Amino acid sequence: MKITETSLPGVLVVEPKIFGDSRGYFLETYQRDRYAEAGIPDQFVQDNLSFSRAGILRGLHLQHPRAQGKLVQVLQGEVFDVAVDVRRGSPTFGVWAGVWLSAENHRQFWIPEGFAHGFCVASDTALFSYKCTDTYCPECELSIRWNDPDIGIDWPLVNISLSDKDSAAPALADIPDSRLPEYLETPE
């Protein structure tokens, strides 16, 4: 397994080792001890599956309180996946990192608690899977505008389709501080 750090501390790209031959391939999509060694928690409590069509953009989403870390991957198709640091007081507050995930490259993206998450579908369809460190809590859910100019995500698609909720999401600067998670510096 290859781990690549992004420009955001704690946000990781995971490339599982693939064993293939003329019959097909095999790979581990999760192994608790190996992932924990890489800095990904060993306590997942919910798995989700999302199916979307070309041009769909989902996000930017997070929960606070009851934050969710997410280990995401694409089982069919291709998406551009994004994490945004929204922790008050973080040196990388409002900074984003993105990665292409596809059924072909088998990459995974680890988005820790305190980061907003979103993705857009670049293929005809996409089957998107994610493991979460906490269960879904509707009253804790928060959305941030996908095209917030202060964040400046360079989405690769021009024609996108959004849900009503995502279309009405506020800019990060318009969200009260009390609704955002706080950056907690970890001692070295």
C-alpha atoms as a PDB file:
ATOM      1  CA  MET A   1       0.000   0.000   0.000  1.00  0.00           C
ATOM      2  CA  LYS A   2       1.312   3.419  -0.966  1.00  0.00           C
ATOM      3  CA  ILE A   3       0.343   6.483   1.096  1.00  0.00           C
ATOM      4  CA  THR A   4       0.724   9.970  -0.373  1.00  0.00           C
ATOM      5  CA  GLU A   5       0.272  13.065   1.771  1.00  0.00           C
ATOM      6  CA  THR A   6      -1.604  15.990   0.254  1.00  0.00           C
ATOM      7  CA  SER A   7      -1.126  19.712   0.893  1.00  0.00           C
ATOM      8  CA  LEU A   8      -3.533  19.320   3.841  1.00  0.00           C
ATOM      9  CA  PRO A   9      -2.058  17.653   6.944  1.00  0.00           C
ATOM     10  CA  GLY A  10      -3.829  14.354   7.620  1.00  0.00           C
ATOM     11  CA  VAL A  11      -5.594  14.187   4.237  1.00  0.00           C
ATOM     12  CA  LEU A  12      -4.135  11.159   2.455  1.00  0.00           C
ATOM     13  CA  VAL A  13      -4.273   9.378  -0.893  1.00  0.00           C
ATOM     14  CA  VAL A  14      -4.116   5.601  -0.453  1.00  0.00           C
ATOM     15  CA  GLU A  15      -3.102   3.297  -3.304  1.00  0.00           C
ATOM     16  CA  PRO A  16      -3.716  -0.327  -2.338  1.00  0.00           C
ATOM     17  CA  LYS A  17      -1.378  -3.009  -3.654  1.00  0.00           C
ATOM     18  CA  ILE A  18      -3.035  -4.806  -6.581  1.00  0.00           C
ATOM     19  CA  PHE A  19      -2.400  -8.460  -7.376  1.00  0.00           C
ATOM     20  CA  GLY A  20      -3.454  -9.241 -10.940  1.00  0.00           C
ATOM     21  CA  ASP A  21      -3.108 -11.787 -13.679  1.00  0.00           C
ATOM     22  CA  SER A  22      -5.050 -12.932 -16.748  1.00  0.00           C
ATOM     23  CA  ARG A  23      -8.037 -13.861 -14.537  1.00  0.00           C
ATOM     24  CA  GLY A  24      -8.442 -10.381 -13.056  1.00  0.00           C
ATOM     25  CA  TYR A  25      -7.166  -8.776  -9.877  1.00  0.00           C
ATOM     26  CA  PHE A  26      -7.371  -8.783  -6.084  1.00  0.00           C
ATOM     27  CA  LEU A  27      -6.751  -5.965  -3.605  1.00  0.00           C
ATOM     28  CA  GLU A  28      -7.445  -5.223   0.043  1.00  0.00           C
ATOM     29  CA  THR A  29      -9.710  -2.195   0.336  1.00  0.00           C
ATOM     30  CA  TYR A  30      -9.215  -1.999   4.101  1.00  0.00           C
ATOM     31  CA  GLN A  31      -7.095  -3.743   6.714  1.00  0.00           C
ATOM     32  CA  ARG A  32      -7.332  -2.220  10.189  1.00  0.00           C
ATOM     33  CA  ASP A  33      -3.712  -2.532  11.356  1.00  0.00           C
ATOM     34  CA  ARG A  34      -2.132  -1.393   8.096  1.00  0.00           C
ATOM     35  CA  TYR A  35      -4.437   1.609   7.775  1.00  0.00           C
ATOM     36  CA  ALA A  36      -3.943   2.553  11.441  1.00  0.00           C
ATOM     37  CA  GLU A  37      -0.168   2.562  10.874  1.00  0.00           C
ATOM     38  CA  ALA A  38      -0.769   5.052   8.050  1.00  0.00           C
ATOM     39  CA  GLY A  39      -2.731   7.359  10.393  1.00  0.00           C
ATOM     40  CA  ILE A  40      -6.238   6.293   9.428  1.00  0.00           C
ATOM     41  CA  PRO A  41      -8.376   5.425  12.474  1.00  0.00           C
ATOM     42  CA  ASP A  42      -9.446   1.858  13.076  1.00  0.00           C
ATOM     43  CA  GLN A  43     -12.974   2.721  14.178  1.00  0.00           C
ATOM     44  CA  PHE A  44     -15.401   2.830  11.263  1.00  0.00           C
ATOM     45  CA  VAL A  45     -19.072   2.588  12.187  1.00  0.00           C
ATOM     46  CA  GLN A  46     -20.977   3.148   8.940  1.00  0.00           C
ATOM     47  CA  ASP A  47     -20.481   2.308   5.250  1.00  0.00           C
ATOM     48  CA  ASN A  48     -22.265   4.300   2.532  1.00  0.00           C
ATOM     49  CA  LEU A  49     -22.768   3.794  -1.186  1.00  0.00           C
ATOM     50  CA  SER A  50     -23.712   6.562  -3.622  1.00  0.00           C
ATOM     51  CA  PHE A  51     -24.663   6.221  -7.286  1.00  0.00           C
ATOM     52  CA  SER A  52     -24.531   9.321  -9.507  1.00  0.00           C
ATOM     53  CA  ARG A  53     -24.682  10.247 -13.170  1.00  0.00           C
ATOM     54  CA  ALA A  54     -22.310  12.402 -15.230  1.00  0.00           C
ATOM     55  CA  GLY A  55     -22.050  16.021 -14.131  1.00  0.00           C
ATOM     56  CA  ILE A  56     -23.476  15.473 -10.641  1.00  0.00           C
ATOM     57  CA  LEU A  57     -21.654  17.413  -7.928  1.00  0.00           C
ATOM     58  CA  ARG A  58     -22.240  16.430  -4.304  1.00  0.00           C
ATOM     59  CA  GLY A  59     -20.928  18.662  -1.561  1.00  0.00           C
ATOM     60  CA  LEU A  60     -19.376  20.283   0.183  1.00  0.00           C
ATOM     61  CA  HIS A  61     -20.601  18.382   3.262  1.00  0.00           C
ATOM     62  CA  LEU A  62     -19.546  17.760   6.851  1.00  0.00           C
ATOM     63  CA  GLN A  63     -21.020  17.113  10.266  1.00  0.00           C
ATOM     64  CA  HIS A  64     -20.393  19.198  13.375  1.00  0.00           C
ATOM     65  CA  PRO A  65     -20.673  18.117  16.064  1.00  0.00           C
ATOM     66  CA  ARG A  66     -20.474  14.341  15.558  1.00  0.00           C
ATOM     67  CA  ALA A  67     -17.742  14.788  12.949  1.00  0.00           C
ATOM     68  CA  GLN A  68     -17.120  12.034  10.429  1.00  0.00           C
ATOM     69  CA  GLY A  69     -13.787  10.951   9.039  1.00  0.00           C
ATOM     70  CA  LYS A  70     -14.320   9.344   5.614  1.00  0.00           C
ATOM     71  CA  LEU A  71     -12.329   6.783   3.653  1.00  0.00           C
ATOM     72  CA  VAL A  72     -13.709   7.064   0.117  1.00  0.00           C
ATOM     73  CA  GLN A  73     -13.233   5.148  -3.125  1.00  0.00           C
ATOM     74  CA  VAL A  74     -14.874   4.684  -6.517  1.00  0.00           C
ATOM     75  CA  LEU A  75     -16.118   1.211  -7.469  1.00  0.00           C
ATOM     76  CA  GLN A  76     -17.406   2.191 -10.926  1.00  0.00           C
ATOM     77  CA  GLY A  77     -16.593   5.238 -13.033  1.00  0.00           C
ATOM     78  CA  GLU A  78     -14.496   8.276 -12.175  1.00  0.00           C
ATOM     79  CA  VAL A  79     -14.860  11.285  -9.870  1.00  0.00           C
ATOM     80  CA  PHE A  80     -12.852  14.310  -8.835  1.00  0.00           C
ATOM     81  CA  ASP A  81     -12.881  14.235  -5.041  1.00  0.00           C
ATOM     82  CA  VAL A  82     -12.162  17.205  -2.753  1.00  0.00           C
ATOM     83  CA  ALA A  83     -11.422  17.859   0.925  1.00  0.00           C
ATOM     84  CA  VAL A  84     -11.528  21.377   2.418  1.00  0.00           C
ATOM     85  CA  ASP A  85     -10.109  22.293   5.828  1.00  0.00           C
ATOM     86  CA  VAL A  86     -12.909  24.080   7.717  1.00  0.00           C
ATOM     87  CA  ARG A  87     -11.428  23.880  11.245  1.00  0.00           C
ATOM     88  CA  ARG A  88     -11.488  27.302  12.940  1.00  0.00           C
ATOM     89  CA  GLY A  89      -7.931  28.380  13.775  1.00  0.00           C
ATOM     90  CA  SER A  90      -6.247  25.913  11.413  1.00  0.00           C
ATOM     91  CA  PRO A  91      -3.235  27.214   9.479  1.00  0.00           C
ATOM     92  CA  THR A  92      -4.823  25.677   6.360  1.00  0.00           C
ATOM     93  CA  PHE A  93      -8.379  26.948   6.998  1.00  0.00           C
ATOM     94  CA  GLY A  94     -10.255  27.235   3.677  1.00  0.00           C
ATOM     95  CA  VAL A  95      -7.573  25.345   1.720  1.00  0.00           C
ATOM     96  CA  TRP A  96      -8.612  22.429  -0.477  1.00  0.00           C
ATOM     97  CA  ALA A  97      -6.954  19.304  -1.880  1.00  0.00           C
ATOM     98  CA  GLY A  98      -8.336  17.203  -4.725  1.00  0.00           C
ATOM     99  CA  VAL A  99      -7.655  13.822  -6.278  1.00  0.00           C
ATOM    100  CA  TRP A 100      -8.993  11.781  -9.185  1.00  0.00           C
ATOM    101  CA  LEU A 101     -10.545   8.509  -7.999  1.00  0.00           C
ATOM    102  CA  SER A 102     -11.656   5.810 -10.402  1.00  0.00           C
ATOM    103  CA  ALA A 103     -12.449   2.126 -10.678  1.00  0.00           C
ATOM    104  CA  GLU A 104      -9.282   1.853 -12.778  1.00  0.00           C
ATOM    105  CA  ASN A 105      -6.782   3.547 -10.433  1.00  0.00           C
ATOM    106  CA  HIS A 106      -8.265   2.002  -7.232  1.00  0.00           C
ATOM    107  CA  ARG A 107      -7.162   5.023  -5.188  1.00  0.00           C
ATOM    108  CA  GLN A 108      -8.776   5.875  -1.894  1.00  0.00           C
ATOM    109  CA  PHE A 109      -8.957   9.279  -0.242  1.00  0.00           C
ATOM    110  CA  TRP A 110      -8.858   9.729   3.535  1.00  0.00           C
ATOM    111  CA  ILE A 111     -10.700  12.855   4.718  1.00  0.00           C
ATOM    112  CA  PRO A 112     -10.270  13.337   8.487  1.00  0.00           C
ATOM    113  CA  GLU A 113     -12.809  14.855  10.840  1.00  0.00           C
ATOM    114  CA  GLY A 114     -13.003  18.632  10.509  1.00  0.00           C
ATOM    115  CA  PHE A 115     -12.830  18.679   6.722  1.00  0.00           C
ATOM    116  CA  ALA A 116     -15.677  19.281   4.286  1.00  0.00           C
ATOM    117  CA  HIS A 117     -16.022  16.773   1.449  1.00  0.00           C
ATOM    118  CA  GLY A 118     -17.388  16.864  -2.084  1.00  0.00           C
ATOM    119  CA  PHE A 119     -17.034  15.206  -5.454  1.00  0.00           C
ATOM    120  CA  CYS A 120     -18.125  15.567  -9.056  1.00  0.00           C
ATOM    121  CA  VAL A 121     -18.733  12.749 -11.522  1.00  0.00           C
ATOM    122  CA  ALA A 122     -16.639  12.811 -14.700  1.00  0.00           C
ATOM    123  CA  SER A 123     -17.804   9.473 -16.172  1.00  0.00           C
ATOM    124  CA  ASP A 124     -21.254   8.440 -17.432  1.00  0.00           C
ATOM    125  CA  THR A 125     -22.032   7.037 -13.977  1.00  0.00           C
ATOM    126  CA  ALA A 126     -20.129   6.522 -10.729  1.00  0.00           C
ATOM    127  CA  LEU A 127     -20.562   4.163  -7.817  1.00  0.00           C
ATOM    128  CA  PHE A 128     -18.931   5.810  -4.804  1.00  0.00           C
ATOM    129  CA  SER A 129     -18.233   4.026  -1.527  1.00  0.00           C
ATOM    130  CA  TYR A 130     -17.198   5.454   1.812  1.00  0.00           C
ATOM    131  CA  LYS A 131     -16.493   4.290   5.324  1.00  0.00           C
ATOM    132  CA  CYS A 132     -17.329   6.737   8.135  1.00  0.00           C
ATOM    133  CA  THR A 133     -16.037   7.128  11.696  1.00  0.00           C
ATOM    134  CA  ASP A 134     -19.453   8.227  13.018  1.00  0.00           C
ATOM    135  CA  THR A 135     -23.044   7.635  11.994  1.00  0.00           C
ATOM    136  CA  TYR A 136     -25.127  10.091   9.986  1.00  0.00           C
ATOM    137  CA  CYS A 137     -26.669  12.815  12.153  1.00  0.00           C
ATOM    138  CA  PRO A 138     -29.098  15.039  10.169  1.00  0.00           C
ATOM    139  CA  GLU A 139     -29.175  17.798  12.804  1.00  0.00           C
ATOM    140  CA  CYS A 140     -25.342  17.988  12.713  1.00  0.00           C
ATOM    141  CA  GLU A 141     -25.107  18.184   8.923  1.00  0.00           C
ATOM    142  CA  LEU A 142     -23.596  21.267   7.321  1.00  0.00           C
ATOM    143  CA  SER A 143     -23.188  22.244   3.669  1.00  0.00           C
ATOM    144  CA  ILE A 144     -20.788  24.801   2.208  1.00  0.00           C
ATOM    145  CA  ARG A 145     -21.142  26.383  -1.236  1.00  0.00           C
ATOM    146  CA  TRP A 146     -19.360  24.225  -3.808  1.00  0.00           C
ATOM    147  CA  ASN A 147     -18.088  27.260  -5.748  1.00  0.00           C
ATOM    148  CA  ASP A 148     -17.192  29.540  -2.831  1.00  0.00           C
ATOM    149  CA  PRO A 149     -14.696  31.993  -4.397  1.00  0.00           C
ATOM    150  CA  ASP A 150     -12.740  32.262  -1.133  1.00  0.00           C
ATOM    151  CA  ILE A 151     -12.020  28.513  -1.312  1.00  0.00           C
ATOM    152  CA  GLY A 152     -11.497  28.521  -5.093  1.00  0.00           C
ATOM    153  CA  ILE A 153     -11.833  24.836  -5.924  1.00  0.00           C
ATOM    154  CA  ASP A 154     -10.771  24.173  -9.510  1.00  0.00           C
ATOM    155  CA  TRP A 155     -13.589  21.792 -10.430  1.00  0.00           C
ATOM    156  CA  PRO A 156     -12.851  20.021 -13.745  1.00  0.00           C
ATOM    157  CA  LEU A 157     -16.445  20.164 -15.033  1.00  0.00           C
ATOM    158  CA  VAL A 158     -18.284  23.147 -16.481  1.00  0.00           C
ATOM    159  CA  ASN A 159     -21.853  21.827 -16.615  1.00  0.00           C
ATOM    160  CA  ILE A 160     -22.764  20.476 -13.203  1.00  0.00           C
ATOM    161  CA  SER A 161     -25.989  19.442 -11.535  1.00  0.00           C
ATOM    162  CA  LEU A 162     -26.652  20.075  -7.834  1.00  0.00           C
ATOM    163  CA  SER A 163     -29.282  19.130  -5.292  1.00  0.00           C
ATOM    164  CA  ASP A 164     -31.508  21.929  -3.982  1.00  0.00           C
ATOM    165  CA  LYS A 165     -29.681  21.716  -0.640  1.00  0.00           C
ATOM    166  CA  ASP A 166     -26.253  22.101  -2.237  1.00  0.00           C
ATOM    167  CA  SER A 167     -27.474  24.941  -4.484  1.00  0.00           C
ATOM    168  CA  ALA A 168     -28.596  26.889  -1.401  1.00  0.00           C
ATOM    169  CA  ALA A 169     -25.479  26.227   0.703  1.00  0.00           C
ATOM    170  CA  PRO A 170     -23.796  29.319   2.194  1.00  0.00           C
ATOM    171  CA  ALA A 171     -20.220  30.439   1.630  1.00  0.00           C
ATOM    172  CA  LEU A 172     -17.728  29.416   4.318  1.00  0.00           C
ATOM    173  CA  ALA A 173     -17.400  33.050   5.504  1.00  0.00           C
ATOM    174  CA  ASP A 174     -21.176  33.182   6.127  1.00  0.00           C
ATOM    175  CA  ILE A 175     -21.225  30.203   8.494  1.00  0.00           C
ATOM    176  CA  PRO A 176     -21.138  31.147  12.197  1.00  0.00           C
ATOM    177  CA  ASP A 177     -17.943  30.058  13.965  1.00  0.00           C
ATOM    178  CA  SER A 178     -20.005  27.994  16.407  1.00  0.00           C
ATOM    179  CA  ARG A 179     -21.137  25.759  13.517  1.00  0.00           C
ATOM    180  CA  LEU A 180     -17.570  24.921  12.456  1.00  0.00           C
ATOM    181  CA  PRO A 181     -15.176  22.469  14.104  1.00  0.00           C
ATOM    182  CA  GLU A 182     -12.173  23.824  15.982  1.00  0.00           C
ATOM    183  CA  TYR A 183      -8.560  23.121  15.083  1.00  0.00           C
ATOM    184  CA  LEU A 184      -6.817  21.247  17.881  1.00  0.00           C
ATOM    185  CA  GLU A 185      -3.065  21.341  17.555  1.00  0.00           C
ATOM    186  CA  THR A 186      -1.495  17.957  18.235  1.00  0.00           C
ATOM    187  CA  PRO A 187       1.722  17.944  20.270  1.00  0.00           C
ATOM    188  CA  GLU A 188       4.750  16.501  18.495  1.00  0.00           C
END
